[in-house]
């Protein structure tokens, strides 16, 4: 029960991080697309940079979820 209360209270804190990632993606997406269209010689390097950037964002988001959601549920699941 305590774990569920902790989860719902932390669920509200997840929104700002998601919006930050969305703002970063919205700002960078047109710049990256323009760079790829402008420079055909290094297109593979740009695409690799896009993939690595998305992987970095995803890993940060996963680490955030693990720290703030999974660990407290494990800790508080024994308390009734």
Protein backbone atom coordinates (compact mmCIF):
# COMPACT_ATOMS: atom_id res chain seq x y z
CA UNK A 1 0.00 0.00 0.00
CA UNK A 2 2.75 2.43 0.92
CA UNK A 3 4.58 1.49 -2.28
CA UNK A 4 1.51 2.38 -4.36
CA UNK A 5 1.14 5.75 -2.64
CA UNK A 6 4.83 6.43 -3.30
CA UNK A 7 4.39 5.45 -6.96
CA UNK A 8 1.44 7.77 -7.52
CA UNK A 9 3.16 10.69 -5.82
CA UNK A 10 6.27 10.22 -7.94
CA UNK A 11 4.19 9.76 -11.09
CA UNK A 12 3.56 13.50 -11.01
CA UNK A 13 7.29 14.23 -11.05
CA UNK A 14 7.75 12.29 -14.28
CA UNK A 15 5.95 14.88 -16.41
CA UNK A 16 8.60 17.67 -16.36
CA UNK A 17 11.39 15.29 -17.41
CA UNK A 18 9.28 13.99 -20.30
CA UNK A 19 8.47 17.51 -21.44
CA UNK A 20 12.16 18.45 -21.25
CA UNK A 21 13.00 15.51 -23.55
CA UNK A 22 10.20 16.51 -25.93
CA UNK A 23 11.40 20.12 -26.07
CA UNK A 24 14.98 18.98 -26.77
CA UNK A 25 13.73 16.67 -29.53
CA UNK A 26 11.53 19.39 -31.08
CA UNK A 27 14.41 21.87 -31.08
CA UNK A 28 17.03 19.47 -32.41
CA UNK A 29 14.94 17.58 -34.98
CA UNK A 30 14.72 20.38 -37.60
CA UNK A 31 18.39 21.25 -37.14
CA UNK A 32 19.44 17.63 -37.62
CA UNK A 33 17.18 17.22 -40.66
CA UNK A 34 18.59 20.41 -42.23
CA UNK A 35 22.14 19.23 -41.54
CA UNK A 36 21.46 15.86 -43.17
CA UNK A 37 19.83 17.45 -46.20
CA UNK A 38 22.56 20.07 -46.60
CA UNK A 39 25.53 17.72 -46.36
CA UNK A 40 25.19 14.48 -48.32
CA UNK A 41 28.83 13.49 -47.85
CA UNK A 42 28.56 12.88 -44.10
CA UNK A 43 24.97 11.60 -44.00
CA UNK A 44 25.91 8.29 -42.31
CA UNK A 45 27.80 10.11 -39.55
CA UNK A 46 24.79 12.37 -38.92
CA UNK A 47 22.43 9.39 -38.79
CA UNK A 48 24.77 7.63 -36.35
CA UNK A 49 24.83 10.77 -34.20
CA UNK A 50 21.01 10.86 -34.20
CA UNK A 51 20.82 7.21 -33.12
CA UNK A 52 23.40 7.72 -30.36
CA UNK A 53 21.60 10.85 -29.14
CA UNK A 54 18.27 9.01 -28.96
CA UNK A 55 19.94 6.10 -27.15
CA UNK A 56 21.43 8.54 -24.64
CA UNK A 57 18.03 10.14 -24.01
CA UNK A 58 16.45 6.72 -23.64
CA UNK A 59 19.08 5.52 -21.20
CA UNK A 60 18.71 8.67 -19.07
CA UNK A 61 14.95 8.14 -19.02
CA UNK A 62 15.33 4.46 -18.07
CA UNK A 63 17.79 5.29 -15.28
CA UNK A 64 15.36 7.94 -14.00
CA UNK A 65 12.52 5.42 -13.94
CA UNK A 66 14.65 2.78 -12.21
CA UNK A 67 15.80 5.19 -9.51
CA UNK A 68 12.44 6.78 -8.76
CA UNK A 69 9.99 3.96 -9.41
CA UNK A 70 11.37 0.42 -9.22
CA UNK A 71 13.75 0.75 -6.25
CA UNK A 72 11.17 2.36 -3.88
CA UNK A 73 8.57 -0.26 -4.84
CA UNK A 74 11.05 -3.00 -3.92
CA UNK A 75 11.92 -1.24 -0.67
CA UNK A 76 8.33 -0.50 0.39
CA UNK A 77 6.72 -3.72 -0.86
CA UNK A 78 7.51 -5.49 2.42
CA UNK A 79 5.81 -2.79 4.52
CA UNK A 80 2.08 -3.40 4.93
